[in-house]
Structures are given as C-alpha cells and as structure tokens.
PDB file of N, CA and C in Angstrom:
ATOM      1  N   UNK A   1       6.833 -44.415  48.552  1.00  0.00           N
ATOM      2  CA  UNK A   1       6.952 -44.420  47.119  1.00  0.00           C
ATOM      3  C   UNK A   1       7.831 -43.245  46.696  1.00  0.00           C
ATOM      4  N   UNK A   2       8.735 -43.525  45.811  1.00  0.00           N
ATOM      5  CA  UNK A   2       9.687 -42.524  45.381  1.00  0.00           C
ATOM      6  C   UNK A   2       9.461 -42.230  43.905  1.00  0.00           C
ATOM      7  N   UNK A   3       9.477 -40.901  43.552  1.00  0.00           N
ATOM      8  CA  UNK A   3       9.347 -40.542  42.140  1.00  0.00           C
ATOM      9  C   UNK A   3      10.651 -39.937  41.674  1.00  0.00           C
ATOM     10  N   UNK A   4      10.990 -40.242  40.476  1.00  0.00           N
ATOM     11  CA  UNK A   4      12.211 -39.672  39.918  1.00  0.00           C
ATOM     12  C   UNK A   4      11.851 -38.978  38.608  1.00  0.00           C
ATOM     13  N   UNK A   5      12.523 -37.959  38.358  1.00  0.00           N
ATOM     14  CA  UNK A   5      12.322 -37.256  37.082  1.00  0.00           C
ATOM     15  C   UNK A   5      13.630 -37.284  36.326  1.00  0.00           C
ATOM     16  N   UNK A   6      13.498 -37.359  35.048  1.00  0.00           N
ATOM     17  CA  UNK A   6      14.699 -37.333  34.226  1.00  0.00           C
ATOM     18  C   UNK A   6      14.709 -36.044  33.445  1.00  0.00           C
ATOM     19  N   UNK A   7      15.835 -35.458  33.378  1.00  0.00           N
ATOM     20  CA  UNK A   7      16.000 -34.227  32.618  1.00  0.00           C
ATOM     21  C   UNK A   7      16.859 -34.542  31.408  1.00  0.00           C
ATOM     22  N   UNK A   8      16.598 -33.829  30.323  1.00  0.00           N
ATOM     23  CA  UNK A   8      17.447 -34.076  29.157  1.00  0.00           C
ATOM     24  C   UNK A   8      18.881 -33.637  29.452  1.00  0.00           C
ATOM     25  N   UNK A   9      19.793 -34.368  28.901  1.00  0.00           N
ATOM     26  CA  UNK A   9      21.205 -34.056  29.119  1.00  0.00           C
ATOM     27  C   UNK A   9      21.542 -32.741  28.437  1.00  0.00           C
ATOM     28  N   UNK A  10      22.389 -31.961  29.079  1.00  0.00           N
ATOM     29  CA  UNK A  10      22.819 -30.702  28.490  1.00  0.00           C
ATOM     30  C   UNK A  10      23.805 -31.011  27.376  1.00  0.00           C
ATOM     31  N   UNK A  11      23.807 -30.101  26.397  1.00  0.00           N
ATOM     32  CA  UNK A  11      24.711 -30.352  25.273  1.00  0.00           C
ATOM     33  C   UNK A  11      26.152 -30.240  25.759  1.00  0.00           C
ATOM     34  N   UNK A  12      26.974 -31.011  25.141  1.00  0.00           N
ATOM     35  CA  UNK A  12      28.367 -31.057  25.553  1.00  0.00           C
ATOM     36  C   UNK A  12      29.124 -29.816  25.080  1.00  0.00           C
ATOM     37  N   UNK A  13      28.621 -29.138  24.032  1.00  0.00           N
ATOM     38  CA  UNK A  13      29.317 -27.975  23.497  1.00  0.00           C
ATOM     39  C   UNK A  13      28.887 -26.726  24.253  1.00  0.00           C
ATOM     40  N   UNK A  14      29.824 -25.952  24.697  1.00  0.00           N
ATOM     41  CA  UNK A  14      29.454 -24.706  25.381  1.00  0.00           C
ATOM     42  C   UNK A  14      28.952 -23.678  24.362  1.00  0.00           C
ATOM     43  N   UNK A  15      28.035 -22.859  24.781  1.00  0.00           N
ATOM     44  CA  UNK A  15      27.499 -21.826  23.903  1.00  0.00           C
ATOM     45  C   UNK A  15      28.487 -20.677  23.878  1.00  0.00           C
ATOM     46  N   UNK A  16      28.851 -20.268  22.679  1.00  0.00           N
ATOM     47  CA  UNK A  16      29.823 -19.199  22.532  1.00  0.00           C
ATOM     48  C   UNK A  16      29.095 -17.858  22.443  1.00  0.00           C
ATOM     49  N   UNK A  17      29.617 -16.884  23.114  1.00  0.00           N
ATOM     50  CA  UNK A  17      29.057 -15.536  23.031  1.00  0.00           C
ATOM     51  C   UNK A  17      29.527 -14.909  21.721  1.00  0.00           C
ATOM     52  N   UNK A  18      28.657 -14.159  21.050  1.00  0.00           N
ATOM     53  CA  UNK A  18      29.090 -13.548  19.788  1.00  0.00           C
ATOM     54  C   UNK A  18      30.144 -12.477  20.035  1.00  0.00           C
ATOM     55  N   UNK A  19      31.018 -12.344  19.077  1.00  0.00           N
ATOM     56  CA  UNK A  19      32.045 -11.320  19.170  1.00  0.00           C
ATOM     57  C   UNK A  19      31.384  -9.955  18.956  1.00  0.00           C
ATOM     58  N   UNK A  20      31.941  -8.913  19.520  1.00  0.00           N
ATOM     59  CA  UNK A  20      31.336  -7.585  19.355  1.00  0.00           C
ATOM     60  C   UNK A  20      31.164  -7.176  17.889  1.00  0.00           C
ATOM     61  N   UNK A  21      32.110  -7.530  17.026  1.00  0.00           N
ATOM     62  CA  UNK A  21      32.006  -7.171  15.617  1.00  0.00           C
ATOM     63  C   UNK A  21      30.825  -7.883  14.958  1.00  0.00           C
ATOM     64  N   UNK A  22      30.569  -9.125  15.343  1.00  0.00           N
ATOM     65  CA  UNK A  22      29.441  -9.871  14.781  1.00  0.00           C
ATOM     66  C   UNK A  22      28.119  -9.269  15.228  1.00  0.00           C
ATOM     67  N   UNK A  23      28.068  -8.808  16.435  1.00  0.00           N
ATOM     68  CA  UNK A  23      26.844  -8.210  16.964  1.00  0.00           C
ATOM     69  C   UNK A  23      26.504  -6.941  16.201  1.00  0.00           C
ATOM     70  N   UNK A  24      27.486  -6.131  15.896  1.00  0.00           N
ATOM     71  CA  UNK A  24      27.251  -4.882  15.186  1.00  0.00           C
ATOM     72  C   UNK A  24      26.754  -5.166  13.775  1.00  0.00           C
ATOM     73  N   UNK A  25      27.311  -6.142  13.105  1.00  0.00           N
ATOM     74  CA  UNK A  25      26.901  -6.467  11.749  1.00  0.00           C
ATOM     75  C   UNK A  25      25.479  -7.023  11.719  1.00  0.00           C
ATOM     76  N   UNK A  26      25.112  -7.806  12.673  1.00  0.00           N
ATOM     77  CA  UNK A  26      23.814  -8.456  12.674  1.00  0.00           C
ATOM     78  C   UNK A  26      22.692  -7.504  13.067  1.00  0.00           C
ATOM     79  N   UNK A  27      23.005  -6.436  13.790  1.00  0.00           N
ATOM     80  CA  UNK A  27      21.971  -5.513  14.252  1.00  0.00           C
ATOM     81  C   UNK A  27      21.447  -4.693  13.081  1.00  0.00           C
ATOM     82  N   UNK A  28      20.115  -4.560  13.013  1.00  0.00           N
ATOM     83  CA  UNK A  28      19.488  -3.752  11.978  1.00  0.00           C
ATOM     84  C   UNK A  28      19.253  -2.358  12.543  1.00  0.00           C
ATOM     85  N   UNK A  29      19.286  -1.355  11.679  1.00  0.00           N
ATOM     86  CA  UNK A  29      19.029  -0.010  12.201  1.00  0.00           C
ATOM     87  C   UNK A  29      17.587   0.089  12.707  1.00  0.00           C
ATOM     88  N   UNK A  30      17.413   0.741  13.815  1.00  0.00           N
ATOM     89  CA  UNK A  30      16.101   0.874  14.423  1.00  0.00           C
ATOM     90  C   UNK A  30      15.388   2.051  13.761  1.00  0.00           C
ATOM     91  N   UNK A  31      14.174   1.820  13.332  1.00  0.00           N
ATOM     92  CA  UNK A  31      13.388   2.863  12.688  1.00  0.00           C
ATOM     93  C   UNK A  31      12.706   3.704  13.770  1.00  0.00           C
ATOM     94  N   UNK A  32      12.857   4.999  13.687  1.00  0.00           N
ATOM     95  CA  UNK A  32      12.236   5.864  14.690  1.00  0.00           C
ATOM     96  C   UNK A  32      10.728   5.877  14.497  1.00  0.00           C
ATOM     97  N   UNK A  33      10.045   6.304  15.528  1.00  0.00           N
ATOM     98  CA  UNK A  33       8.580   6.331  15.479  1.00  0.00           C
ATOM     99  C   UNK A  33       8.087   7.287  14.392  1.00  0.00           C
ATOM    100  N   UNK A  34       8.713   8.441  14.266  1.00  0.00           N
ATOM    101  CA  UNK A  34       8.266   9.401  13.255  1.00  0.00           C
ATOM    102  C   UNK A  34       8.567   8.897  11.843  1.00  0.00           C
ATOM    103  N   UNK A  35       9.693   8.246  11.657  1.00  0.00           N
ATOM    104  CA  UNK A  35      10.012   7.691  10.333  1.00  0.00           C
ATOM    105  C   UNK A  35       9.045   6.570   9.984  1.00  0.00           C
ATOM    106  N   UNK A  36       8.719   5.762  10.976  1.00  0.00           N
ATOM    107  CA  UNK A  36       7.759   4.671  10.740  1.00  0.00           C
ATOM    108  C   UNK A  36       6.379   5.235  10.421  1.00  0.00           C
ATOM    109  N   UNK A  37       5.976   6.274  11.120  1.00  0.00           N
ATOM    110  CA  UNK A  37       4.676   6.897  10.872  1.00  0.00           C
ATOM    111  C   UNK A  37       4.616   7.481   9.461  1.00  0.00           C
ATOM    112  N   UNK A  38       5.695   8.144   9.048  1.00  0.00           N
ATOM    113  CA  UNK A  38       5.734   8.691   7.685  1.00  0.00           C
ATOM    114  C   UNK A  38       5.661   7.586   6.645  1.00  0.00           C
ATOM    115  N   UNK A  39       6.400   6.502   6.866  1.00  0.00           N
ATOM    116  CA  UNK A  39       6.397   5.398   5.909  1.00  0.00           C
ATOM    117  C   UNK A  39       5.008   4.783   5.799  1.00  0.00           C
ATOM    118  N   UNK A  40       4.381   4.534   6.930  1.00  0.00           N
ATOM    119  CA  UNK A  40       3.038   3.936   6.925  1.00  0.00           C
ATOM    120  C   UNK A  40       2.041   4.902   6.299  1.00  0.00           C
ATOM    121  N   UNK A  41       2.175   6.190   6.602  1.00  0.00           N
ATOM    122  CA  UNK A  41       1.291   7.189   6.003  1.00  0.00           C
ATOM    123  C   UNK A  41       1.409   7.226   4.496  1.00  0.00           C
ATOM    124  N   UNK A  42       2.634   7.125   4.004  1.00  0.00           N
ATOM    125  CA  UNK A  42       2.835   7.101   2.540  1.00  0.00           C
ATOM    126  C   UNK A  42       2.215   5.847   1.920  1.00  0.00           C
ATOM    127  N   UNK A  43       2.378   4.712   2.590  1.00  0.00           N
ATOM    128  CA  UNK A  43       1.799   3.474   2.059  1.00  0.00           C
ATOM    129  C   UNK A  43       0.274   3.548   2.023  1.00  0.00           C
ATOM    130  N   UNK A  44      -0.317   4.051   3.091  1.00  0.00           N
ATOM    131  CA  UNK A  44      -1.774   4.183   3.140  1.00  0.00           C
ATOM    132  C   UNK A  44      -2.244   5.204   2.107  1.00  0.00           C
ATOM    133  N   UNK A  45      -1.503   6.304   1.992  1.00  0.00           N
ATOM    134  CA  UNK A  45      -1.841   7.316   0.991  1.00  0.00           C
ATOM    135  C   UNK A  45      -1.771   6.752  -0.418  1.00  0.00           C
ATOM    136  N   UNK A  46      -0.750   5.959  -0.681  1.00  0.00           N
ATOM    137  CA  UNK A  46      -0.628   5.327  -2.007  1.00  0.00           C
ATOM    138  C   UNK A  46      -1.786   4.393  -2.298  1.00  0.00           C
ATOM    139  N   UNK A  47      -2.191   3.629  -1.287  1.00  0.00           N
ATOM    140  CA  UNK A  47      -3.342   2.734  -1.470  1.00  0.00           C
ATOM    141  C   UNK A  47      -4.623   3.533  -1.725  1.00  0.00           C
ATOM    142  N   UNK A  48      -4.795   4.637  -0.988  1.00  0.00           N
ATOM    143  CA  UNK A  48      -5.984   5.467  -1.175  1.00  0.00           C
ATOM    144  C   UNK A  48      -6.014   6.073  -2.571  1.00  0.00           C
ATOM    145  N   UNK A  49      -4.875   6.519  -3.065  1.00  0.00           N
ATOM    146  CA  UNK A  49      -4.810   7.079  -4.419  1.00  0.00           C
ATOM    147  C   UNK A  49      -5.129   5.999  -5.453  1.00  0.00           C
ATOM    148  N   UNK A  50      -4.623   4.790  -5.246  1.00  0.00           N
ATOM    149  CA  UNK A  50      -4.924   3.689  -6.169  1.00  0.00           C
ATOM    150  C   UNK A  50      -6.416   3.387  -6.208  1.00  0.00           C
ATOM    151  N   UNK A  51      -7.061   3.374  -5.041  1.00  0.00           N
ATOM    152  CA  UNK A  51      -8.499   3.113  -4.976  1.00  0.00           C
ATOM    153  C   UNK A  51      -9.267   4.227  -5.670  1.00  0.00           C
ATOM    154  N   UNK A  52      -8.876   5.464  -5.433  1.00  0.00           N
ATOM    155  CA  UNK A  52      -9.534   6.603  -6.085  1.00  0.00           C
ATOM    156  C   UNK A  52      -9.383   6.514  -7.600  1.00  0.00           C
ATOM    157  N   UNK A  53      -8.171   6.204  -8.048  1.00  0.00           N
ATOM    158  CA  UNK A  53      -7.910   6.110  -9.486  1.00  0.00           C
ATOM    159  C   UNK A  53      -8.769   5.022 -10.127  1.00  0.00           C
ATOM    160  N   UNK A  54      -8.891   3.902  -9.448  1.00  0.00           N
ATOM    161  CA  UNK A  54      -9.723   2.805  -9.965  1.00  0.00           C
ATOM    162  C   UNK A  54     -11.198   3.212  -9.994  1.00  0.00           C
ATOM    163  N   UNK A  55     -11.650   3.926  -8.974  1.00  0.00           N
ATOM    164  CA  UNK A  55     -13.032   4.393  -8.929  1.00  0.00           C
ATOM    165  C   UNK A  55     -13.340   5.360 -10.061  1.00  0.00           C
ATOM    166  N   UNK A  56     -12.401   6.264 -10.337  1.00  0.00           N
ATOM    167  CA  UNK A  56     -12.583   7.203 -11.444  1.00  0.00           C
ATOM    168  C   UNK A  56     -12.635   6.444 -12.770  1.00  0.00           C
ATOM    169  N   UNK A  57     -11.752   5.479 -12.945  1.00  0.00           N
ATOM    170  CA  UNK A  57     -11.737   4.690 -14.182  1.00  0.00           C
ATOM    171  C   UNK A  57     -13.051   3.931 -14.359  1.00  0.00           C
ATOM    172  N   UNK A  58     -13.585   3.377 -13.284  1.00  0.00           N
ATOM    173  CA  UNK A  58     -14.862   2.660 -13.372  1.00  0.00           C
ATOM    174  C   UNK A  58     -16.002   3.604 -13.739  1.00  0.00           C
ATOM    175  N   UNK A  59     -16.031   4.788 -13.132  1.00  0.00           N
ATOM    176  CA  UNK A  59     -17.083   5.764 -13.431  1.00  0.00           C
ATOM    177  C   UNK A  59     -16.992   6.239 -14.871  1.00  0.00           C
ATOM    178  N   UNK A  60     -15.786   6.494 -15.347  1.00  0.00           N
ATOM    179  CA  UNK A  60     -15.599   6.930 -16.736  1.00  0.00           C
ATOM    180  C   UNK A  60     -16.049   5.828 -17.692  1.00  0.00           C
ATOM    181  N   UNK A  61     -15.687   4.594 -17.400  1.00  0.00           N
ATOM    182  CA  UNK A  61     -16.109   3.472 -18.258  1.00  0.00           C
ATOM    183  C   UNK A  61     -17.629   3.352 -18.265  1.00  0.00           C
ATOM    184  N   UNK A  62     -18.263   3.528 -17.109  1.00  0.00           N
ATOM    185  CA  UNK A  62     -19.721   3.458 -17.023  1.00  0.00           C
ATOM    186  C   UNK A  62     -20.366   4.550 -17.876  1.00  0.00           C
ATOM    187  N   UNK A  63     -19.858   5.786 -17.772  1.00  0.00           N
ATOM    188  CA  UNK A  63     -20.446   6.878 -18.547  1.00  0.00           C
ATOM    189  C   UNK A  63     -20.229   6.694 -20.044  1.00  0.00           C
ATOM    190  N   UNK A  64     -19.095   6.173 -20.436  1.00  0.00           N
ATOM    191  CA  UNK A  64     -18.850   5.914 -21.862  1.00  0.00           C
ATOM    192  C   UNK A  64     -19.770   4.818 -22.384  1.00  0.00           C
ATOM    193  N   UNK A  65     -19.978   3.784 -21.581  1.00  0.00           N
ATOM    194  CA  UNK A  65     -20.910   2.725 -21.971  1.00  0.00           C
ATOM    195  C   UNK A  65     -22.334   3.256 -22.049  1.00  0.00           C
ATOM    196  N   UNK A  66     -22.710   4.105 -21.108  1.00  0.00           N
ATOM    197  CA  UNK A  66     -24.047   4.702 -21.122  1.00  0.00           C
ATOM    198  C   UNK A  66     -24.213   5.599 -22.342  1.00  0.00           C
ATOM    199  N   UNK A  67     -23.150   6.300 -22.739  1.00  0.00           N
ATOM    200  CA  UNK A  67     -23.225   7.159 -23.918  1.00  0.00           C
ATOM    201  C   UNK A  67     -23.445   6.341 -25.184  1.00  0.00           C
ATOM    202  N   UNK A  68     -22.894   5.140 -25.229  1.00  0.00           N
ATOM    203  CA  UNK A  68     -23.058   4.285 -26.415  1.00  0.00           C
ATOM    204  C   UNK A  68     -24.504   3.851 -26.600  1.00  0.00           C
ATOM    205  N   UNK A  69     -25.224   3.658 -25.507  1.00  0.00           N
ATOM    206  CA  UNK A  69     -26.592   3.145 -25.626  1.00  0.00           C
ATOM    207  C   UNK A  69     -27.661   4.218 -25.419  1.00  0.00           C
ATOM    208  N   UNK A  70     -27.233   5.469 -25.213  1.00  0.00           N
ATOM    209  CA  UNK A  70     -28.195   6.553 -25.005  1.00  0.00           C
ATOM    210  C   UNK A  70     -29.006   6.756 -26.301  1.00  0.00           C
ATOM    211  N   UNK A  71     -30.334   6.912 -26.182  1.00  0.00           N
ATOM    212  CA  UNK A  71     -31.173   7.029 -27.385  1.00  0.00           C
ATOM    213  C   UNK A  71     -31.125   8.408 -28.031  1.00  0.00           C
ATOM    214  N   UNK A  72     -30.718   9.435 -27.333  1.00  0.00           N
ATOM    215  CA  UNK A  72     -30.734  10.795 -27.877  1.00  0.00           C
ATOM    216  C   UNK A  72     -29.313  11.313 -28.067  1.00  0.00           C
ATOM    217  N   UNK A  73     -29.107  12.048 -29.169  1.00  0.00           N
ATOM    218  CA  UNK A  73     -27.764  12.584 -29.420  1.00  0.00           C
ATOM    219  C   UNK A  73     -27.284  13.536 -28.314  1.00  0.00           C
ATOM    220  N   UNK A  74     -28.176  14.356 -27.746  1.00  0.00           N
ATOM    221  CA  UNK A  74     -27.767  15.281 -26.694  1.00  0.00           C
ATOM    222  C   UNK A  74     -27.326  14.524 -25.437  1.00  0.00           C
ATOM    223  N   UNK A  75     -27.976  13.383 -25.156  1.00  0.00           N
ATOM    224  CA  UNK A  75     -27.596  12.573 -23.997  1.00  0.00           C
ATOM    225  C   UNK A  75     -26.231  11.925 -24.232  1.00  0.00           C
ATOM    226  N   UNK A  76     -26.008  11.446 -25.465  1.00  0.00           N
ATOM    227  CA  UNK A  76     -24.696  10.860 -25.793  1.00  0.00           C
ATOM    228  C   UNK A  76     -23.593  11.892 -25.609  1.00  0.00           C
ATOM    229  N   UNK A  77     -23.854  13.116 -26.123  1.00  0.00           N
ATOM    230  CA  UNK A  77     -22.852  14.173 -26.026  1.00  0.00           C
ATOM    231  C   UNK A  77     -22.602  14.562 -24.561  1.00  0.00           C
ATOM    232  N   UNK A  78     -23.655  14.678 -23.776  1.00  0.00           N
ATOM    233  CA  UNK A  78     -23.508  15.059 -22.371  1.00  0.00           C
ATOM    234  C   UNK A  78     -22.717  14.001 -21.596  1.00  0.00           C
ATOM    235  N   UNK A  79     -23.016  12.732 -21.821  1.00  0.00           N
ATOM    236  CA  UNK A  79     -22.300  11.656 -21.126  1.00  0.00           C
ATOM    237  C   UNK A  79     -20.836  11.588 -21.559  1.00  0.00           C
ATOM    238  N   UNK A  80     -20.585  11.809 -22.839  1.00  0.00           N
ATOM    239  CA  UNK A  80     -19.216  11.769 -23.352  1.00  0.00           C
ATOM    240  C   UNK A  80     -18.389  12.914 -22.778  1.00  0.00           C
ATOM    241  N   UNK A  81     -18.971  14.129 -22.760  1.00  0.00           N
ATOM    242  CA  UNK A  81     -18.258  15.284 -22.204  1.00  0.00           C
ATOM    243  C   UNK A  81     -18.016  15.094 -20.707  1.00  0.00           C
ATOM    244  N   UNK A  82     -19.027  14.599 -20.002  1.00  0.00           N
ATOM    245  CA  UNK A  82     -18.881  14.359 -18.563  1.00  0.00           C
ATOM    246  C   UNK A  82     -17.785  13.333 -18.284  1.00  0.00           C
ATOM    247  N   UNK A  83     -17.757  12.264 -19.066  1.00  0.00           N
ATOM    248  CA  UNK A  83     -16.727  11.232 -18.884  1.00  0.00           C
ATOM    249  C   UNK A  83     -15.336  11.813 -19.119  1.00  0.00           C
ATOM    250  N   UNK A  84     -15.193  12.636 -20.146  1.00  0.00           N
ATOM    251  CA  UNK A  84     -13.902  13.249 -20.433  1.00  0.00           C
ATOM    252  C   UNK A  84     -13.454  14.194 -19.337  1.00  0.00           C
ATOM    253  N   UNK A  85     -14.405  14.989 -18.813  1.00  0.00           N
ATOM    254  CA  UNK A  85     -14.082  15.917 -17.736  1.00  0.00           C
ATOM    255  C   UNK A  85     -13.665  15.172 -16.468  1.00  0.00           C
ATOM    256  N   UNK A  86     -14.412  14.160 -16.103  1.00  0.00           N
ATOM    257  CA  UNK A  86     -14.085  13.372 -14.908  1.00  0.00           C
ATOM    258  C   UNK A  86     -12.728  12.699 -15.073  1.00  0.00           C
ATOM    259  N   UNK A  87     -12.465  12.205 -16.262  1.00  0.00           N
ATOM    260  CA  UNK A  87     -11.187  11.536 -16.519  1.00  0.00           C
ATOM    261  C   UNK A  87     -10.020  12.512 -16.385  1.00  0.00           C
ATOM    262  N   UNK A  88     -10.164  13.711 -16.951  1.00  0.00           N
ATOM    263  CA  UNK A  88      -9.084  14.696 -16.889  1.00  0.00           C
ATOM    264  C   UNK A  88      -8.844  15.210 -15.472  1.00  0.00           C
ATOM    265  N   UNK A  89      -9.915  15.528 -14.763  1.00  0.00           N
ATOM    266  CA  UNK A  89      -9.775  16.025 -13.393  1.00  0.00           C
ATOM    267  C   UNK A  89      -9.214  14.923 -12.481  1.00  0.00           C
ATOM    268  N   UNK A  90      -9.696  13.710 -12.659  1.00  0.00           N
ATOM    269  CA  UNK A  90      -9.196  12.590 -11.859  1.00  0.00           C
ATOM    270  C   UNK A  90      -7.721  12.331 -12.100  1.00  0.00           C
ATOM    271  N   UNK A  91      -7.301  12.420 -13.368  1.00  0.00           N
ATOM    272  CA  UNK A  91      -5.891  12.204 -13.688  1.00  0.00           C
ATOM    273  C   UNK A  91      -5.013  13.285 -13.061  1.00  0.00           C
ATOM    274  N   UNK A  92      -5.476  14.533 -13.091  1.00  0.00           N
ATOM    275  CA  UNK A  92      -4.714  15.628 -12.472  1.00  0.00           C
ATOM    276  C   UNK A  92      -4.622  15.425 -10.959  1.00  0.00           C
ATOM    277  N   UNK A  93      -5.714  15.024 -10.348  1.00  0.00           N
ATOM    278  CA  UNK A  93      -5.723  14.784  -8.902  1.00  0.00           C
ATOM    279  C   UNK A  93      -4.757  13.655  -8.536  1.00  0.00           C
ATOM    280  N   UNK A  94      -4.812  12.568  -9.282  1.00  0.00           N
ATOM    281  CA  UNK A  94      -3.944  11.413  -8.995  1.00  0.00           C
ATOM    282  C   UNK A  94      -2.478  11.787  -9.186  1.00  0.00           C
ATOM    283  N   UNK A  95      -2.182  12.513 -10.251  1.00  0.00           N
ATOM    284  CA  UNK A  95      -0.800  12.922 -10.513  1.00  0.00           C
ATOM    285  C   UNK A  95      -0.272  13.804  -9.369  1.00  0.00           C
ATOM    286  N   UNK A  96      -1.094  14.754  -8.935  1.00  0.00           N
ATOM    287  CA  UNK A  96      -0.690  15.641  -7.833  1.00  0.00           C
ATOM    288  C   UNK A  96      -0.515  14.856  -6.532  1.00  0.00           C
ATOM    289  N   UNK A  97      -1.447  13.973  -6.250  1.00  0.00           N
ATOM    290  CA  UNK A  97      -1.366  13.182  -5.010  1.00  0.00           C
ATOM    291  C   UNK A  97      -0.124  12.311  -4.992  1.00  0.00           C
ATOM    292  N   UNK A  98       0.219  11.720  -6.114  1.00  0.00           N
ATOM    293  CA  UNK A  98       1.421  10.874  -6.165  1.00  0.00           C
ATOM    294  C   UNK A  98       2.698  11.695  -5.969  1.00  0.00           C
ATOM    295  N   UNK A  99       2.719  12.927  -6.514  1.00  0.00           N
ATOM    296  CA  UNK A  99       3.889  13.787  -6.310  1.00  0.00           C
ATOM    297  C   UNK A  99       4.038  14.170  -4.844  1.00  0.00           C
ATOM    298  N   UNK A 100       2.919  14.429  -4.173  1.00  0.00           N
ATOM    299  CA  UNK A 100       2.962  14.807  -2.760  1.00  0.00           C
ATOM    300  C   UNK A 100       3.442  13.629  -1.905  1.00  0.00           C
ATOM    301  N   UNK A 101       3.069  12.425  -2.266  1.00  0.00           N
ATOM    302  CA  UNK A 101       3.415  11.245  -1.467  1.00  0.00           C
ATOM    303  C   UNK A 101       4.857  10.789  -1.635  1.00  0.00           C
ATOM    304  N   UNK A 102       5.600  11.387  -2.524  1.00  0.00           N
ATOM    305  CA  UNK A 102       7.000  10.979  -2.727  1.00  0.00           C
ATOM    306  C   UNK A 102       7.857  11.317  -1.566  1.00  0.00           C
TER     307      UNK A 102
END
C-alpha cells in the first residue's frame, strides 16, 4: 500500500527582501529598560494619586453630609472644619504629587 501526501503549491511570486531604507523607516526606536521603568512608574504613580484624590473627595463628602444631619451645633462645626482641613491638605498633597510625577 502506498501513501501520497500533497503539499500546497508554492506561490509563483518570489518574496522580495525589503530595501535597507524601508527597514530603517519601519523600525521603531527601542525603549531602554530604565526609560520603560520610569514611564511605568509615572503611570502607576498617576493612578495612585487619582485613587488618593478620589478617596479624599469621598471622605470630605461624607463629613459634609454628616455635618448636615448632626443634631448639635458643635458637632456640625467640628465636622465642617474637619472636612475643610482634609480637603485643603489633600489638595496640597495631590498638587505636589502631580508636580513630582511630571
């Protein structure tokens, strides 16, 4: 018993090698390991600052809402002052962190 295999026919057109000028244009600059590490570090740092900023905003909103429903005037004042302080310190921290990450 004889077995035969068929192979697909090769294309009739020969494959052309790219010209040296085309190769140079198509090549992308290679990013060094340290440049890549810095870029990734900045991206992660930016995400961390965004999360922190959102957390501060949520805490400030919570304290302001709590101040609205607080039964005593001293509690309302304490929550309002605390919310303002947290908001100001958080904004300064975020502003500084963003400047460092540039």
